[in-house]
């Protein structure tokens, strides 16, 4: 089975479903991209891979942007892989209780 390659450049206009790491360290599962019904602006639909697995949306432009952190430009969200996230609550809880959770 061929797995799609991660967006190495990350400036691509396509946001693939899969796991991403936020610049602050927590992981999220991107479900897809949705359009605003009035403005047709693209929004990324994603859920937390910690806590209760809450659903969130963020403007696609903001999701893909670089931000300054400690004097360096970094992507707000960095691609990890296209694996399907675990939906088992114990897995989500384990990640929440992990020492890396900030």
PDB file of N, CA and C in Angstrom:
ATOM      1  N   UNK A   1       0.847  -1.184   0.000  1.00  0.00           N
ATOM      2  CA  UNK A   1       0.000   0.000   0.000  1.00  0.00           C
ATOM      3  C   UNK A   1       0.887   1.241   0.000  1.00  0.00           C
ATOM      4  N   UNK A   2       0.598   2.157  -0.880  1.00  0.00           N
ATOM      5  CA  UNK A   2       1.365   3.397  -0.948  1.00  0.00           C
ATOM      6  C   UNK A   2       0.805   4.408   0.030  1.00  0.00           C
ATOM      7  N   UNK A   3       1.684   4.913   0.870  1.00  0.00           N
ATOM      8  CA  UNK A   3       1.299   5.935   1.833  1.00  0.00           C
ATOM      9  C   UNK A   3       1.655   7.284   1.248  1.00  0.00           C
ATOM     10  N   UNK A   4       0.744   8.256   1.291  1.00  0.00           N
ATOM     11  CA  UNK A   4       1.096   9.577   0.765  1.00  0.00           C
ATOM     12  C   UNK A   4       2.266  10.167   1.536  1.00  0.00           C
ATOM     13  N   UNK A   5       3.139  10.813   0.803  1.00  0.00           N
ATOM     14  CA  UNK A   5       4.291  11.432   1.448  1.00  0.00           C
ATOM     15  C   UNK A   5       3.852  12.659   2.228  1.00  0.00           C
ATOM     16  N   UNK A   6       4.501  12.903   3.354  1.00  0.00           N
ATOM     17  CA  UNK A   6       4.166  14.105   4.118  1.00  0.00           C
ATOM     18  C   UNK A   6       4.554  15.346   3.329  1.00  0.00           C
ATOM     19  N   UNK A   7       3.873  16.442   3.576  1.00  0.00           N
ATOM     20  CA  UNK A   7       4.225  17.672   2.868  1.00  0.00           C
ATOM     21  C   UNK A   7       5.548  18.222   3.389  1.00  0.00           C
ATOM     22  N   UNK A   8       6.659  17.770   2.815  1.00  0.00           N
ATOM     23  CA  UNK A   8       7.990  18.144   3.290  1.00  0.00           C
ATOM     24  C   UNK A   8       8.165  19.654   3.340  1.00  0.00           C
ATOM     25  N   UNK A   9       7.710  20.303   2.308  1.00  0.00           N
ATOM     26  CA  UNK A   9       7.859  21.744   2.198  1.00  0.00           C
ATOM     27  C   UNK A   9       6.921  22.459   3.175  1.00  0.00           C
ATOM     28  N   UNK A  10       5.788  21.873   3.449  1.00  0.00           N
ATOM     29  CA  UNK A  10       4.756  22.380   4.348  1.00  0.00           C
ATOM     30  C   UNK A  10       4.223  23.751   3.935  1.00  0.00           C
ATOM     31  N   UNK A  11       4.636  24.253   2.783  1.00  0.00           N
ATOM     32  CA  UNK A  11       4.015  25.475   2.284  1.00  0.00           C
ATOM     33  C   UNK A  11       2.968  25.114   1.243  1.00  0.00           C
ATOM     34  N   UNK A  12       2.741  23.809   1.058  1.00  0.00           N
ATOM     35  CA  UNK A  12       1.745  23.354   0.101  1.00  0.00           C
ATOM     36  C   UNK A  12       0.373  23.855   0.516  1.00  0.00           C
ATOM     37  N   UNK A  13      -0.487  24.028  -0.461  1.00  0.00           N
ATOM     38  CA  UNK A  13      -1.821  24.518  -0.151  1.00  0.00           C
ATOM     39  C   UNK A  13      -2.724  23.414   0.381  1.00  0.00           C
ATOM     40  N   UNK A  14      -2.348  22.152   0.191  1.00  0.00           N
ATOM     41  CA  UNK A  14      -3.172  21.036   0.645  1.00  0.00           C
ATOM     42  C   UNK A  14      -2.804  20.672   2.077  1.00  0.00           C
ATOM     43  N   UNK A  15      -3.812  20.515   2.909  1.00  0.00           N
ATOM     44  CA  UNK A  15      -3.600  20.032   4.273  1.00  0.00           C
ATOM     45  C   UNK A  15      -4.164  18.623   4.313  1.00  0.00           C
ATOM     46  N   UNK A  16      -3.280  17.645   4.482  1.00  0.00           N
ATOM     47  CA  UNK A  16      -3.688  16.248   4.483  1.00  0.00           C
ATOM     48  C   UNK A  16      -4.259  15.840   5.829  1.00  0.00           C
ATOM     49  N   UNK A  17      -5.222  14.924   5.830  1.00  0.00           N
ATOM     50  CA  UNK A  17      -5.630  14.319   7.098  1.00  0.00           C
ATOM     51  C   UNK A  17      -4.441  13.572   7.692  1.00  0.00           C
ATOM     52  N   UNK A  18      -4.359  13.521   8.986  1.00  0.00           N
ATOM     53  CA  UNK A  18      -3.270  12.826   9.661  1.00  0.00           C
ATOM     54  C   UNK A  18      -2.915  13.512  10.957  1.00  0.00           C
ATOM     55  N   UNK A  19      -1.796  13.083  11.527  1.00  0.00           N
ATOM     56  CA  UNK A  19      -1.371  13.631  12.818  1.00  0.00           C
ATOM     57  C   UNK A  19      -0.398  14.785  12.614  1.00  0.00           C
ATOM     58  N   UNK A  20      -0.578  15.806  13.432  1.00  0.00           N
ATOM     59  CA  UNK A  20       0.282  16.982  13.412  1.00  0.00           C
ATOM     60  C   UNK A  20       0.682  17.308  14.845  1.00  0.00           C
ATOM     61  N   UNK A  21       1.851  17.918  14.985  1.00  0.00           N
ATOM     62  CA  UNK A  21       2.297  18.386  16.305  1.00  0.00           C
ATOM     63  C   UNK A  21       2.281  19.906  16.293  1.00  0.00           C
ATOM     64  N   UNK A  22       1.628  20.488  17.285  1.00  0.00           N
ATOM     65  CA  UNK A  22       1.590  21.939  17.460  1.00  0.00           C
ATOM     66  C   UNK A  22       2.962  22.392  17.951  1.00  0.00           C
ATOM     67  N   UNK A  23       3.348  23.602  17.651  1.00  0.00           N
ATOM     68  CA  UNK A  23       4.668  24.089  18.051  1.00  0.00           C
ATOM     69  C   UNK A  23       4.874  24.057  19.560  1.00  0.00           C
ATOM     70  N   UNK A  24       3.799  24.013  20.345  1.00  0.00           N
ATOM     71  CA  UNK A  24       3.929  23.917  21.802  1.00  0.00           C
ATOM     72  C   UNK A  24       4.062  22.472  22.274  1.00  0.00           C
ATOM     73  N   UNK A  25       3.951  21.489  21.350  1.00  0.00           N
ATOM     74  CA  UNK A  25       4.241  20.100  21.676  1.00  0.00           C
ATOM     75  C   UNK A  25       3.095  19.110  21.666  1.00  0.00           C
ATOM     76  N   UNK A  26       1.864  19.563  21.762  1.00  0.00           N
ATOM     77  CA  UNK A  26       0.748  18.609  21.797  1.00  0.00           C
ATOM     78  C   UNK A  26       0.393  18.147  20.385  1.00  0.00           C
ATOM     79  N   UNK A  27      -0.219  16.947  20.314  1.00  0.00           N
ATOM     80  CA  UNK A  27      -0.549  16.353  19.023  1.00  0.00           C
ATOM     81  C   UNK A  27      -2.043  16.430  18.732  1.00  0.00           C
ATOM     82  N   UNK A  28      -2.325  16.524  17.431  1.00  0.00           N
ATOM     83  CA  UNK A  28      -3.692  16.682  16.952  1.00  0.00           C
ATOM     84  C   UNK A  28      -3.903  15.812  15.725  1.00  0.00           C
ATOM     85  N   UNK A  29      -5.134  15.384  15.524  1.00  0.00           N
ATOM     86  CA  UNK A  29      -5.519  14.603  14.349  1.00  0.00           C
ATOM     87  C   UNK A  29      -6.343  15.492  13.434  1.00  0.00           C
ATOM     88  N   UNK A  30      -5.819  15.765  12.242  1.00  0.00           N
ATOM     89  CA  UNK A  30      -6.582  16.536  11.261  1.00  0.00           C
ATOM     90  C   UNK A  30      -7.571  15.595  10.589  1.00  0.00           C
ATOM     91  N   UNK A  31      -8.821  15.981  10.623  1.00  0.00           N
ATOM     92  CA  UNK A  31      -9.893  15.191  10.022  1.00  0.00           C
ATOM     93  C   UNK A  31     -10.082  15.592   8.565  1.00  0.00           C
ATOM     94  N   UNK A  32      -9.994  16.880   8.301  1.00  0.00           N
ATOM     95  CA  UNK A  32     -10.157  17.358   6.939  1.00  0.00           C
ATOM     96  C   UNK A  32     -10.266  18.864   6.901  1.00  0.00           C
ATOM     97  N   UNK A  33     -10.613  19.364   5.724  1.00  0.00           N
ATOM     98  CA  UNK A  33     -10.780  20.802   5.522  1.00  0.00           C
ATOM     99  C   UNK A  33     -12.241  21.048   5.155  1.00  0.00           C
ATOM    100  N   UNK A  34     -12.854  22.028   5.809  1.00  0.00           N
ATOM    101  CA  UNK A  34     -14.254  22.384   5.558  1.00  0.00           C
ATOM    102  C   UNK A  34     -14.324  23.830   5.077  1.00  0.00           C
ATOM    103  N   UNK A  35     -15.367  24.134   4.338  1.00  0.00           N
ATOM    104  CA  UNK A  35     -15.576  25.504   3.850  1.00  0.00           C
ATOM    105  C   UNK A  35     -16.639  26.200   4.687  1.00  0.00           C
ATOM    106  N   UNK A  36     -16.386  27.466   4.992  1.00  0.00           N
ATOM    107  CA  UNK A  36     -17.382  28.300   5.677  1.00  0.00           C
ATOM    108  C   UNK A  36     -18.549  28.508   4.712  1.00  0.00           C
ATOM    109  N   UNK A  37     -19.755  28.352   5.196  1.00  0.00           N
ATOM    110  CA  UNK A  37     -20.938  28.410   4.328  1.00  0.00           C
ATOM    111  C   UNK A  37     -21.198  29.791   3.725  1.00  0.00           C
ATOM    112  N   UNK A  38     -20.748  30.837   4.376  1.00  0.00           N
ATOM    113  CA  UNK A  38     -20.999  32.189   3.872  1.00  0.00           C
ATOM    114  C   UNK A  38     -19.815  32.761   3.099  1.00  0.00           C
ATOM    115  N   UNK A  39     -18.612  32.569   3.623  1.00  0.00           N
ATOM    116  CA  UNK A  39     -17.430  33.198   3.024  1.00  0.00           C
ATOM    117  C   UNK A  39     -16.635  32.260   2.121  1.00  0.00           C
ATOM    118  N   UNK A  40     -16.904  30.955   2.221  1.00  0.00           N
ATOM    119  CA  UNK A  40     -16.164  29.910   1.505  1.00  0.00           C
ATOM    120  C   UNK A  40     -14.701  29.832   1.925  1.00  0.00           C
ATOM    121  N   UNK A  41     -14.363  30.441   3.057  1.00  0.00           N
ATOM    122  CA  UNK A  41     -13.007  30.326   3.592  1.00  0.00           C
ATOM    123  C   UNK A  41     -12.782  28.889   4.055  1.00  0.00           C
ATOM    124  N   UNK A  42     -11.560  28.368   3.817  1.00  0.00           N
ATOM    125  CA  UNK A  42     -11.206  27.018   4.252  1.00  0.00           C
ATOM    126  C   UNK A  42     -10.840  27.011   5.730  1.00  0.00           C
ATOM    127  N   UNK A  43     -11.368  26.030   6.442  1.00  0.00           N
ATOM    128  CA  UNK A  43     -11.046  25.804   7.850  1.00  0.00           C
ATOM    129  C   UNK A  43     -10.570  24.373   8.022  1.00  0.00           C
ATOM    130  N   UNK A  44      -9.559  24.183   8.856  1.00  0.00           N
ATOM    131  CA  UNK A  44      -9.076  22.842   9.181  1.00  0.00           C
ATOM    132  C   UNK A  44      -9.892  22.333  10.363  1.00  0.00           C
ATOM    133  N   UNK A  45     -10.405  21.110  10.226  1.00  0.00           N
ATOM    134  CA  UNK A  45     -11.151  20.455  11.301  1.00  0.00           C
ATOM    135  C   UNK A  45     -10.199  19.442  11.924  1.00  0.00           C
ATOM    136  N   UNK A  46      -9.977  19.576  13.233  1.00  0.00           N
ATOM    137  CA  UNK A  46      -9.036  18.673  13.895  1.00  0.00           C
ATOM    138  C   UNK A  46      -9.489  18.395  15.315  1.00  0.00           C
ATOM    139  N   UNK A  47      -8.911  17.344  15.901  1.00  0.00           N
ATOM    140  CA  UNK A  47      -9.253  17.009  17.276  1.00  0.00           C
ATOM    141  C   UNK A  47      -7.988  16.798  18.083  1.00  0.00           C
ATOM    142  N   UNK A  48      -8.133  17.022  19.371  1.00  0.00           N
ATOM    143  CA  UNK A  48      -7.002  16.831  20.273  1.00  0.00           C
ATOM    144  C   UNK A  48      -6.738  15.347  20.448  1.00  0.00           C
ATOM    145  N   UNK A  49      -5.476  14.991  20.592  1.00  0.00           N
ATOM    146  CA  UNK A  49      -5.095  13.615  20.920  1.00  0.00           C
ATOM    147  C   UNK A  49      -4.713  13.548  22.390  1.00  0.00           C
ATOM    148  N   UNK A  50      -5.365  14.344  23.174  1.00  0.00           N
ATOM    149  CA  UNK A  50      -5.213  14.352  24.631  1.00  0.00           C
ATOM    150  C   UNK A  50      -6.569  14.760  25.202  1.00  0.00           C
ATOM    151  N   UNK A  51      -6.733  14.582  26.464  1.00  0.00           N
ATOM    152  CA  UNK A  51      -7.999  14.972  27.096  1.00  0.00           C
ATOM    153  C   UNK A  51      -9.169  14.202  26.524  1.00  0.00           C
ATOM    154  N   UNK A  52     -10.256  14.910  26.278  1.00  0.00           N
ATOM    155  CA  UNK A  52     -11.492  14.277  25.802  1.00  0.00           C
ATOM    156  C   UNK A  52     -11.542  14.141  24.283  1.00  0.00           C
ATOM    157  N   UNK A  53     -10.485  14.549  23.576  1.00  0.00           N
ATOM    158  CA  UNK A  53     -10.482  14.465  22.116  1.00  0.00           C
ATOM    159  C   UNK A  53     -11.404  15.491  21.481  1.00  0.00           C
ATOM    160  N   UNK A  54     -11.421  16.698  22.060  1.00  0.00           N
ATOM    161  CA  UNK A  54     -12.305  17.768  21.583  1.00  0.00           C
ATOM    162  C   UNK A  54     -12.053  18.103  20.118  1.00  0.00           C
ATOM    163  N   UNK A  55     -13.122  18.481  19.409  1.00  0.00           N
ATOM    164  CA  UNK A  55     -13.020  18.939  18.021  1.00  0.00           C
ATOM    165  C   UNK A  55     -12.807  20.447  17.988  1.00  0.00           C
ATOM    166  N   UNK A  56     -11.948  20.875  17.061  1.00  0.00           N
ATOM    167  CA  UNK A  56     -11.647  22.293  16.887  1.00  0.00           C
ATOM    168  C   UNK A  56     -11.617  22.605  15.399  1.00  0.00           C
ATOM    169  N   UNK A  57     -11.752  23.887  15.077  1.00  0.00           N
ATOM    170  CA  UNK A  57     -11.502  24.355  13.715  1.00  0.00           C
ATOM    171  C   UNK A  57     -10.571  25.560  13.798  1.00  0.00           C
ATOM    172  N   UNK A  58      -9.822  25.755  12.728  1.00  0.00           N
ATOM    173  CA  UNK A  58      -8.911  26.901  12.642  1.00  0.00           C
ATOM    174  C   UNK A  58      -8.826  27.280  11.167  1.00  0.00           C
ATOM    175  N   UNK A  59      -8.769  28.565  10.852  1.00  0.00           N
ATOM    176  CA  UNK A  59      -8.602  28.949   9.450  1.00  0.00           C
ATOM    177  C   UNK A  59      -7.373  28.252   8.855  1.00  0.00           C
ATOM    178  N   UNK A  60      -7.531  27.686   7.655  1.00  0.00           N
ATOM    179  CA  UNK A  60      -6.440  26.945   7.017  1.00  0.00           C
ATOM    180  C   UNK A  60      -5.196  27.816   6.872  1.00  0.00           C
ATOM    181  N   UNK A  61      -5.390  29.060   6.538  1.00  0.00           N
ATOM    182  CA  UNK A  61      -4.257  29.980   6.382  1.00  0.00           C
ATOM    183  C   UNK A  61      -3.457  30.067   7.683  1.00  0.00           C
ATOM    184  N   UNK A  62      -4.141  30.140   8.807  1.00  0.00           N
ATOM    185  CA  UNK A  62      -3.481  30.210  10.108  1.00  0.00           C
ATOM    186  C   UNK A  62      -2.832  28.863  10.461  1.00  0.00           C
ATOM    187  N   UNK A  63      -3.503  27.761  10.128  1.00  0.00           N
ATOM    188  CA  UNK A  63      -2.982  26.426  10.424  1.00  0.00           C
ATOM    189  C   UNK A  63      -1.622  26.220   9.751  1.00  0.00           C
ATOM    190  N   UNK A  64      -1.477  26.718   8.516  1.00  0.00           N
ATOM    191  CA  UNK A  64      -0.264  26.495   7.728  1.00  0.00           C
ATOM    192  C   UNK A  64       0.835  27.522   7.972  1.00  0.00           C
ATOM    193  N   UNK A  65       0.535  28.582   8.693  1.00  0.00           N
ATOM    194  CA  UNK A  65       1.497  29.678   8.786  1.00  0.00           C
ATOM    195  C   UNK A  65       2.698  29.347   9.670  1.00  0.00           C
ATOM    196  N   UNK A  66       3.746  30.121   9.445  1.00  0.00           N
ATOM    197  CA  UNK A  66       4.921  30.065  10.315  1.00  0.00           C
ATOM    198  C   UNK A  66       4.771  31.162  11.357  1.00  0.00           C
ATOM    199  N   UNK A  67       5.266  30.859  12.553  1.00  0.00           N
ATOM    200  CA  UNK A  67       5.253  31.836  13.634  1.00  0.00           C
ATOM    201  C   UNK A  67       6.652  31.917  14.221  1.00  0.00           C
ATOM    202  N   UNK A  68       6.925  32.988  14.930  1.00  0.00           N
ATOM    203  CA  UNK A  68       8.237  33.147  15.545  1.00  0.00           C
ATOM    204  C   UNK A  68       8.218  32.539  16.943  1.00  0.00           C
ATOM    205  N   UNK A  69       9.211  31.685  17.194  1.00  0.00           N
ATOM    206  CA  UNK A  69       9.358  31.066  18.508  1.00  0.00           C
ATOM    207  C   UNK A  69      10.838  31.069  18.861  1.00  0.00           C
ATOM    208  N   UNK A  70      11.168  31.735  19.939  1.00  0.00           N
ATOM    209  CA  UNK A  70      12.558  31.847  20.394  1.00  0.00           C
ATOM    210  C   UNK A  70      13.472  32.349  19.278  1.00  0.00           C
ATOM    211  N   UNK A  71      12.987  33.336  18.537  1.00  0.00           N
ATOM    212  CA  UNK A  71      13.779  33.966  17.493  1.00  0.00           C
ATOM    213  C   UNK A  71      13.842  33.212  16.177  1.00  0.00           C
ATOM    214  N   UNK A  72      13.135  32.076  16.066  1.00  0.00           N
ATOM    215  CA  UNK A  72      13.149  31.285  14.830  1.00  0.00           C
ATOM    216  C   UNK A  72      11.732  31.159  14.295  1.00  0.00           C
ATOM    217  N   UNK A  73      11.634  31.071  12.962  1.00  0.00           N
ATOM    218  CA  UNK A  73      10.339  30.828  12.338  1.00  0.00           C
ATOM    219  C   UNK A  73      10.081  29.328  12.305  1.00  0.00           C
ATOM    220  N   UNK A  74       8.944  28.919  12.847  1.00  0.00           N
ATOM    221  CA  UNK A  74       8.552  27.505  12.860  1.00  0.00           C
ATOM    222  C   UNK A  74       7.100  27.411  12.401  1.00  0.00           C
ATOM    223  N   UNK A  75       6.739  26.237  11.877  1.00  0.00           N
ATOM    224  CA  UNK A  75       5.348  26.025  11.498  1.00  0.00           C
ATOM    225  C   UNK A  75       4.496  25.888  12.746  1.00  0.00           C
ATOM    226  N   UNK A  76       3.312  26.485  12.717  1.00  0.00           N
ATOM    227  CA  UNK A  76       2.377  26.364  13.841  1.00  0.00           C
ATOM    228  C   UNK A  76       2.048  24.886  14.075  1.00  0.00           C
ATOM    229  N   UNK A  77       1.789  24.141  13.003  1.00  0.00           N
ATOM    230  CA  UNK A  77       1.525  22.707  13.074  1.00  0.00           C
ATOM    231  C   UNK A  77       2.493  21.994  12.145  1.00  0.00           C
ATOM    232  N   UNK A  78       3.148  20.962  12.649  1.00  0.00           N
ATOM    233  CA  UNK A  78       4.104  20.189  11.868  1.00  0.00           C
ATOM    234  C   UNK A  78       3.541  18.796  11.624  1.00  0.00           C
ATOM    235  N   UNK A  79       3.592  18.363  10.377  1.00  0.00           N
ATOM    236  CA  UNK A  79       3.138  17.035   9.971  1.00  0.00           C
ATOM    237  C   UNK A  79       3.907  15.964  10.738  1.00  0.00           C
ATOM    238  N   UNK A  80       3.199  14.947  11.254  1.00  0.00           N
ATOM    239  CA  UNK A  80       3.855  13.789  11.871  1.00  0.00           C
ATOM    240  C   UNK A  80       3.693  12.587  10.956  1.00  0.00           C
ATOM    241  N   UNK A  81       2.447  12.181  10.708  1.00  0.00           N
ATOM    242  CA  UNK A  81       2.177  11.080   9.783  1.00  0.00           C
ATOM    243  C   UNK A  81       0.700  11.040   9.436  1.00  0.00           C
ATOM    244  N   UNK A  82       0.356  10.102   8.536  1.00  0.00           N
ATOM    245  CA  UNK A  82      -1.035  10.004   8.106  1.00  0.00           C
ATOM    246  C   UNK A  82      -1.767   8.864   8.793  1.00  0.00           C
ATOM    247  N   UNK A  83      -1.160   8.299   9.847  1.00  0.00           N
ATOM    248  CA  UNK A  83      -1.807   7.200  10.566  1.00  0.00           C
ATOM    249  C   UNK A  83      -3.110   7.669  11.189  1.00  0.00           C
ATOM    250  N   UNK A  84      -4.058   6.781  11.216  1.00  0.00           N
ATOM    251  CA  UNK A  84      -5.326   7.094  11.872  1.00  0.00           C
ATOM    252  C   UNK A  84      -5.085   7.158  13.370  1.00  0.00           C
ATOM    253  N   UNK A  85      -5.621   8.148  14.008  1.00  0.00           N
ATOM    254  CA  UNK A  85      -5.442   8.304  15.456  1.00  0.00           C
ATOM    255  C   UNK A  85      -6.252   7.253  16.191  1.00  0.00           C
ATOM    256  N   UNK A  86      -5.746   6.852  17.309  1.00  0.00           N
ATOM    257  CA  UNK A  86      -6.470   5.916  18.162  1.00  0.00           C
ATOM    258  C   UNK A  86      -7.684   6.626  18.752  1.00  0.00           C
ATOM    259  N   UNK A  87      -8.795   5.925  18.796  1.00  0.00           N
ATOM    260  CA  UNK A  87      -9.983   6.502  19.418  1.00  0.00           C
ATOM    261  C   UNK A  87     -10.222   5.902  20.789  1.00  0.00           C
ATOM    262  N   UNK A  88      -9.366   4.972  21.172  1.00  0.00           N
ATOM    263  CA  UNK A  88      -9.472   4.334  22.482  1.00  0.00           C
ATOM    264  C   UNK A  88      -9.214   5.379  23.564  1.00  0.00           C
ATOM    265  N   UNK A  89     -10.182   5.610  24.467  1.00  0.00           N
ATOM    266  CA  UNK A  89     -10.015   6.627  25.517  1.00  0.00           C
ATOM    267  C   UNK A  89      -8.787   6.395  26.391  1.00  0.00           C
ATOM    268  N   UNK A  90      -8.354   5.143  26.553  1.00  0.00           N
ATOM    269  CA  UNK A  90      -7.168   4.895  27.385  1.00  0.00           C
ATOM    270  C   UNK A  90      -5.920   5.425  26.699  1.00  0.00           C
ATOM    271  N   UNK A  91      -5.883   5.357  25.370  1.00  0.00           N
ATOM    272  CA  UNK A  91      -4.741   5.907  24.636  1.00  0.00           C
ATOM    273  C   UNK A  91      -4.717   7.421  24.773  1.00  0.00           C
ATOM    274  N   UNK A  92      -5.881   8.047  24.627  1.00  0.00           N
ATOM    275  CA  UNK A  92      -5.962   9.501  24.767  1.00  0.00           C
ATOM    276  C   UNK A  92      -5.578   9.908  26.183  1.00  0.00           C
ATOM    277  N   UNK A  93      -6.063   9.173  27.193  1.00  0.00           N
ATOM    278  CA  UNK A  93      -5.736   9.477  28.584  1.00  0.00           C
ATOM    279  C   UNK A  93      -4.242   9.303  28.829  1.00  0.00           C
ATOM    280  N   UNK A  94      -3.644   8.243  28.271  1.00  0.00           N
ATOM    281  CA  UNK A  94      -2.210   8.000  28.473  1.00  0.00           C
ATOM    282  C   UNK A  94      -1.399   9.162  27.920  1.00  0.00           C
ATOM    283  N   UNK A  95      -1.797   9.685  26.771  1.00  0.00           N
ATOM    284  CA  UNK A  95      -1.073  10.816  26.206  1.00  0.00           C
ATOM    285  C   UNK A  95      -1.257  12.047  27.081  1.00  0.00           C
ATOM    286  N   UNK A  96      -2.449  12.232  27.623  1.00  0.00           N
ATOM    287  CA  UNK A  96      -2.719  13.379  28.491  1.00  0.00           C
ATOM    288  C   UNK A  96      -1.854  13.322  29.737  1.00  0.00           C
ATOM    289  N   UNK A  97      -1.704  12.118  30.303  1.00  0.00           N
ATOM    290  CA  UNK A  97      -0.958  11.960  31.542  1.00  0.00           C
ATOM    291  C   UNK A  97       0.547  11.880  31.330  1.00  0.00           C
ATOM    292  N   UNK A  98       0.980  11.864  30.069  1.00  0.00           N
ATOM    293  CA  UNK A  98       2.399  11.772  29.751  1.00  0.00           C
ATOM    294  C   UNK A  98       3.130  13.020  30.245  1.00  0.00           C
ATOM    295  N   UNK A  99       4.402  12.864  30.695  1.00  0.00           N
ATOM    296  CA  UNK A  99       5.165  14.023  31.182  1.00  0.00           C
ATOM    297  C   UNK A  99       5.379  15.089  30.114  1.00  0.00           C
ATOM    298  N   UNK A 100       5.316  14.701  28.815  1.00  0.00           N
ATOM    299  CA  UNK A 100       5.520  15.690  27.758  1.00  0.00           C
ATOM    300  C   UNK A 100       4.307  16.580  27.577  1.00  0.00           C
ATOM    301  N   UNK A 101       3.155  16.192  28.127  1.00  0.00           N
ATOM    302  CA  UNK A 101       1.946  17.016  27.974  1.00  0.00           C
ATOM    303  C   UNK A 101       2.135  18.338  28.688  1.00  0.00           C
ATOM    304  N   UNK A 102       1.999  19.402  27.921  1.00  0.00           N
ATOM    305  CA  UNK A 102       2.169  20.740  28.492  1.00  0.00           C
ATOM    306  C   UNK A 102       0.960  21.572  28.167  1.00  0.00           C
TER     307      UNK A 102
END
